[in-house]
Amino acid sequence: MVKKKELTKSFDFPFERENYRLLIIGIAIIIFGFLLMTGGGSDDPEVFDQGIFSFRRITLAPLVSLFGFIFIIYAIMKKPSEKTKENKPKS
């Protein structure tokens, strides 16, 4: 027979609320970087559009996306602060 105390284990999330918030911000930065890459096509396939080689699509958008990925790595690696640990109820 299993004791009742063994059944009531506390469920802890792998990250704190701040980590999840930073992850969402990082995902938004990546989406913004990919949106910067869009466009520049031509409706007529016979006409070449120089707009695909603009600074925004070739340099800025990949850098913004890279920053988003680095930001997500930071959000995953960030440890919770001591104040958050102290306020957490112990079971």
N, C-alpha and C. Protein backbone atom coordinates (compact mmCIF):
# COMPACT_ATOMS: atom_id res chain seq x y z
N MET A 1 0.84 -1.19 0.00
CA MET A 1 0.00 0.00 0.00
C MET A 1 0.89 1.25 0.00
N VAL A 2 0.50 2.22 -0.82
CA VAL A 2 1.27 3.44 -0.96
C VAL A 2 0.76 4.47 0.02
N LYS A 3 1.69 5.12 0.69
CA LYS A 3 1.30 6.15 1.65
C LYS A 3 0.80 7.39 0.91
N LYS A 4 -0.07 8.11 1.58
CA LYS A 4 -0.68 9.30 0.96
C LYS A 4 0.36 10.40 0.70
N LYS A 5 1.36 10.53 1.56
CA LYS A 5 2.38 11.56 1.38
C LYS A 5 3.20 11.32 0.13
N GLU A 6 3.40 10.07 -0.24
CA GLU A 6 4.17 9.77 -1.44
C GLU A 6 3.42 10.16 -2.70
N LEU A 7 2.10 10.13 -2.65
CA LEU A 7 1.30 10.46 -3.82
C LEU A 7 1.23 11.96 -4.09
N THR A 8 1.36 12.75 -3.07
CA THR A 8 1.25 14.21 -3.23
C THR A 8 2.64 14.82 -3.40
N LYS A 9 3.24 14.57 -4.54
CA LYS A 9 4.53 15.17 -4.86
C LYS A 9 4.28 16.54 -5.48
N SER A 10 5.15 17.48 -5.17
CA SER A 10 4.99 18.80 -5.76
C SER A 10 5.54 18.80 -7.18
N PHE A 11 4.84 19.48 -8.05
CA PHE A 11 5.24 19.58 -9.45
C PHE A 11 5.96 20.90 -9.64
N ASP A 12 7.21 20.83 -10.04
CA ASP A 12 8.00 22.03 -10.30
C ASP A 12 8.25 22.17 -11.80
N PHE A 13 8.02 23.36 -12.30
CA PHE A 13 8.33 23.64 -13.69
C PHE A 13 9.83 23.73 -13.85
N PRO A 14 10.35 23.42 -15.05
CA PRO A 14 11.81 23.47 -15.24
C PRO A 14 12.37 24.89 -15.18
N PHE A 15 11.55 25.89 -15.49
CA PHE A 15 12.01 27.28 -15.47
C PHE A 15 11.08 28.10 -14.59
N GLU A 16 11.55 29.27 -14.25
CA GLU A 16 10.73 30.23 -13.51
C GLU A 16 9.92 31.07 -14.51
N ARG A 17 9.04 31.88 -13.99
CA ARG A 17 8.18 32.72 -14.84
C ARG A 17 9.03 33.68 -15.69
N GLU A 18 10.09 34.21 -15.11
CA GLU A 18 10.95 35.13 -15.84
C GLU A 18 11.61 34.46 -17.04
N ASN A 19 12.02 33.19 -16.90
CA ASN A 19 12.62 32.46 -18.01
C ASN A 19 11.63 32.31 -19.16
N TYR A 20 10.39 31.97 -18.84
CA TYR A 20 9.38 31.82 -19.89
C TYR A 20 9.11 33.16 -20.58
N ARG A 21 9.10 34.23 -19.82
CA ARG A 21 8.88 35.55 -20.40
C ARG A 21 10.03 35.90 -21.36
N LEU A 22 11.27 35.60 -20.96
CA LEU A 22 12.41 35.87 -21.82
C LEU A 22 12.39 34.99 -23.07
N LEU A 23 11.93 33.74 -22.93
CA LEU A 23 11.81 32.87 -24.10
C LEU A 23 10.81 33.43 -25.11
N ILE A 24 9.70 33.94 -24.63
CA ILE A 24 8.70 34.51 -25.53
C ILE A 24 9.25 35.75 -26.23
N ILE A 25 9.99 36.56 -25.52
CA ILE A 25 10.62 37.74 -26.13
C ILE A 25 11.61 37.31 -27.20
N GLY A 26 12.40 36.28 -26.93
CA GLY A 26 13.36 35.78 -27.90
C GLY A 26 12.69 35.25 -29.15
N ILE A 27 11.59 34.53 -28.99
CA ILE A 27 10.84 34.02 -30.14
C ILE A 27 10.28 35.18 -30.96
N ALA A 28 9.80 36.23 -30.29
CA ALA A 28 9.29 37.40 -31.00
C ALA A 28 10.40 38.10 -31.79
N ILE A 29 11.61 38.15 -31.25
CA ILE A 29 12.74 38.77 -31.96
C ILE A 29 13.08 37.95 -33.21
N ILE A 30 13.05 36.63 -33.09
CA ILE A 30 13.34 35.78 -34.25
C ILE A 30 12.28 35.96 -35.32
N ILE A 31 11.03 35.99 -34.93
CA ILE A 31 9.95 36.19 -35.91
C ILE A 31 10.10 37.54 -36.60
N PHE A 32 10.47 38.58 -35.83
CA PHE A 32 10.69 39.89 -36.42
C PHE A 32 11.84 39.84 -37.43
N GLY A 33 12.91 39.12 -37.11
CA GLY A 33 14.03 38.98 -38.05
C GLY A 33 13.61 38.29 -39.34
N PHE A 34 12.79 37.25 -39.21
CA PHE A 34 12.32 36.57 -40.42
C PHE A 34 11.37 37.45 -41.23
N LEU A 35 10.57 38.27 -40.56
CA LEU A 35 9.70 39.19 -41.28
C LEU A 35 10.50 40.24 -42.05
N LEU A 36 11.66 40.63 -41.49
CA LEU A 36 12.53 41.57 -42.20
C LEU A 36 13.09 40.97 -43.49
N MET A 37 13.18 39.64 -43.56
CA MET A 37 13.72 38.99 -44.75
C MET A 37 12.70 38.87 -45.89
N THR A 38 11.43 39.06 -45.59
CA THR A 38 10.40 38.82 -46.60
C THR A 38 10.35 39.93 -47.64
N GLY A 39 9.71 39.61 -48.75
CA GLY A 39 9.49 40.60 -49.80
C GLY A 39 10.63 40.67 -50.79
N GLY A 40 10.52 41.64 -51.69
CA GLY A 40 11.58 41.87 -52.66
C GLY A 40 11.42 41.12 -53.95
N GLY A 41 10.37 40.33 -54.07
CA GLY A 41 10.15 39.60 -55.30
C GLY A 41 9.50 40.47 -56.36
N SER A 42 9.52 39.98 -57.57
CA SER A 42 8.90 40.70 -58.67
C SER A 42 7.70 39.90 -59.15
N ASP A 43 6.66 40.59 -59.57
CA ASP A 43 5.48 39.92 -60.10
C ASP A 43 5.75 39.30 -61.47
N ASP A 44 6.62 39.94 -62.23
CA ASP A 44 6.96 39.45 -63.56
C ASP A 44 8.26 38.66 -63.48
N PRO A 45 8.28 37.38 -63.86
CA PRO A 45 9.51 36.59 -63.76
C PRO A 45 10.60 37.03 -64.73
N GLU A 46 10.26 37.82 -65.71
CA GLU A 46 11.25 38.30 -66.69
C GLU A 46 12.00 39.53 -66.19
N VAL A 47 11.51 40.16 -65.13
CA VAL A 47 12.11 41.40 -64.62
C VAL A 47 12.89 41.08 -63.35
N PHE A 48 14.16 41.51 -63.31
CA PHE A 48 15.00 41.29 -62.14
C PHE A 48 14.88 42.47 -61.20
N ASP A 49 14.67 42.20 -59.93
CA ASP A 49 14.50 43.24 -58.92
C ASP A 49 15.72 43.27 -58.01
N GLN A 50 16.45 44.38 -57.97
CA GLN A 50 17.62 44.52 -57.11
C GLN A 50 17.26 44.56 -55.64
N GLY A 51 15.98 44.68 -55.30
CA GLY A 51 15.54 44.81 -53.92
C GLY A 51 15.86 43.59 -53.06
N ILE A 52 16.11 42.45 -53.69
CA ILE A 52 16.42 41.25 -52.89
C ILE A 52 17.81 41.33 -52.26
N PHE A 53 18.65 42.21 -52.76
CA PHE A 53 19.99 42.36 -52.21
C PHE A 53 20.13 43.59 -51.33
N SER A 54 19.05 44.04 -50.72
CA SER A 54 19.11 45.24 -49.89
C SER A 54 19.79 44.94 -48.55
N PHE A 55 20.24 45.99 -47.90
CA PHE A 55 20.90 45.86 -46.59
C PHE A 55 19.98 45.18 -45.58
N ARG A 56 18.71 45.50 -45.65
CA ARG A 56 17.75 44.94 -44.69
C ARG A 56 17.67 43.42 -44.79
N ARG A 57 17.64 42.88 -46.00
CA ARG A 57 17.47 41.44 -46.18
C ARG A 57 18.77 40.66 -46.04
N ILE A 58 19.88 41.24 -46.43
CA ILE A 58 21.14 40.51 -46.45
C ILE A 58 21.89 40.62 -45.12
N THR A 59 21.81 41.76 -44.45
CA THR A 59 22.62 41.98 -43.25
C THR A 59 21.78 42.12 -41.99
N LEU A 60 20.83 43.02 -42.00
CA LEU A 60 20.08 43.34 -40.79
C LEU A 60 19.22 42.18 -40.31
N ALA A 61 18.45 41.57 -41.20
CA ALA A 61 17.54 40.49 -40.79
C ALA A 61 18.26 39.28 -40.21
N PRO A 62 19.35 38.80 -40.82
CA PRO A 62 20.06 37.68 -40.19
C PRO A 62 20.67 38.04 -38.84
N LEU A 63 21.14 39.27 -38.68
CA LEU A 63 21.70 39.68 -37.39
C LEU A 63 20.62 39.75 -36.31
N VAL A 64 19.45 40.25 -36.67
CA VAL A 64 18.34 40.30 -35.72
C VAL A 64 17.93 38.89 -35.32
N SER A 65 17.84 37.98 -36.29
CA SER A 65 17.48 36.59 -35.98
C SER A 65 18.55 35.93 -35.11
N LEU A 66 19.81 36.16 -35.42
CA LEU A 66 20.90 35.60 -34.61
C LEU A 66 20.84 36.12 -33.18
N PHE A 67 20.56 37.41 -33.03
CA PHE A 67 20.41 37.97 -31.69
C PHE A 67 19.26 37.31 -30.95
N GLY A 68 18.17 37.00 -31.66
CA GLY A 68 17.04 36.31 -31.04
C GLY A 68 17.42 34.93 -30.54
N PHE A 69 18.20 34.19 -31.33
CA PHE A 69 18.64 32.86 -30.90
C PHE A 69 19.58 32.96 -29.69
N ILE A 70 20.46 33.93 -29.69
CA ILE A 70 21.36 34.13 -28.55
C ILE A 70 20.56 34.52 -27.31
N PHE A 71 19.54 35.32 -27.50
CA PHE A 71 18.67 35.73 -26.40
C PHE A 71 17.93 34.53 -25.81
N ILE A 72 17.50 33.60 -26.66
CA ILE A 72 16.83 32.39 -26.17
C ILE A 72 17.81 31.52 -25.38
N ILE A 73 19.04 31.41 -25.84
CA ILE A 73 20.04 30.65 -25.08
C ILE A 73 20.24 31.28 -23.71
N TYR A 74 20.30 32.60 -23.66
CA TYR A 74 20.42 33.28 -22.37
C TYR A 74 19.21 32.98 -21.48
N ALA A 75 18.02 33.00 -22.06
CA ALA A 75 16.80 32.75 -21.28
C ALA A 75 16.78 31.34 -20.71
N ILE A 76 17.31 30.39 -21.44
CA ILE A 76 17.37 29.01 -20.96
C ILE A 76 18.41 28.86 -19.86
N MET A 77 19.54 29.52 -20.00
CA MET A 77 20.65 29.35 -19.05
C MET A 77 20.50 30.19 -17.79
N LYS A 78 19.64 31.20 -17.80
CA LYS A 78 19.50 32.11 -16.67
C LYS A 78 18.98 31.37 -15.44
N LYS A 79 19.68 31.54 -14.34
CA LYS A 79 19.26 30.93 -13.08
C LYS A 79 18.30 31.87 -12.36
N PRO A 80 17.37 31.32 -11.61
CA PRO A 80 16.45 32.19 -10.88
C PRO A 80 17.17 32.94 -9.76
N SER A 81 16.67 34.10 -9.44
CA SER A 81 17.30 34.90 -8.39
C SER A 81 17.04 34.30 -7.03
N GLU A 82 17.80 34.70 -6.05
CA GLU A 82 17.66 34.17 -4.69
C GLU A 82 16.32 34.57 -4.07
N LYS A 83 15.81 35.74 -4.42
CA LYS A 83 14.53 36.18 -3.88
C LYS A 83 13.41 35.24 -4.33
N THR A 84 13.48 34.78 -5.57
CA THR A 84 12.46 33.88 -6.08
C THR A 84 12.51 32.54 -5.35
N LYS A 85 13.71 32.08 -5.06
CA LYS A 85 13.85 30.80 -4.35
C LYS A 85 13.33 30.89 -2.93
N GLU A 86 13.56 32.04 -2.28
CA GLU A 86 13.13 32.20 -0.89
C GLU A 86 11.62 32.28 -0.77
N ASN A 87 10.95 32.89 -1.77
CA ASN A 87 9.50 33.05 -1.73
C ASN A 87 8.75 31.79 -2.11
N LYS A 88 9.44 30.82 -2.66
CA LYS A 88 8.80 29.60 -3.11
C LYS A 88 8.37 28.75 -1.92
N PRO A 89 7.10 28.31 -1.87
CA PRO A 89 6.67 27.47 -0.75
C PRO A 89 7.31 26.09 -0.83
N LYS A 90 7.71 25.59 0.31
CA LYS A 90 8.30 24.26 0.36
C LYS A 90 7.23 23.25 0.74
N SER A 91 7.25 22.11 0.06
CA SER A 91 6.24 21.09 0.35
C SER A 91 6.83 19.90 1.05
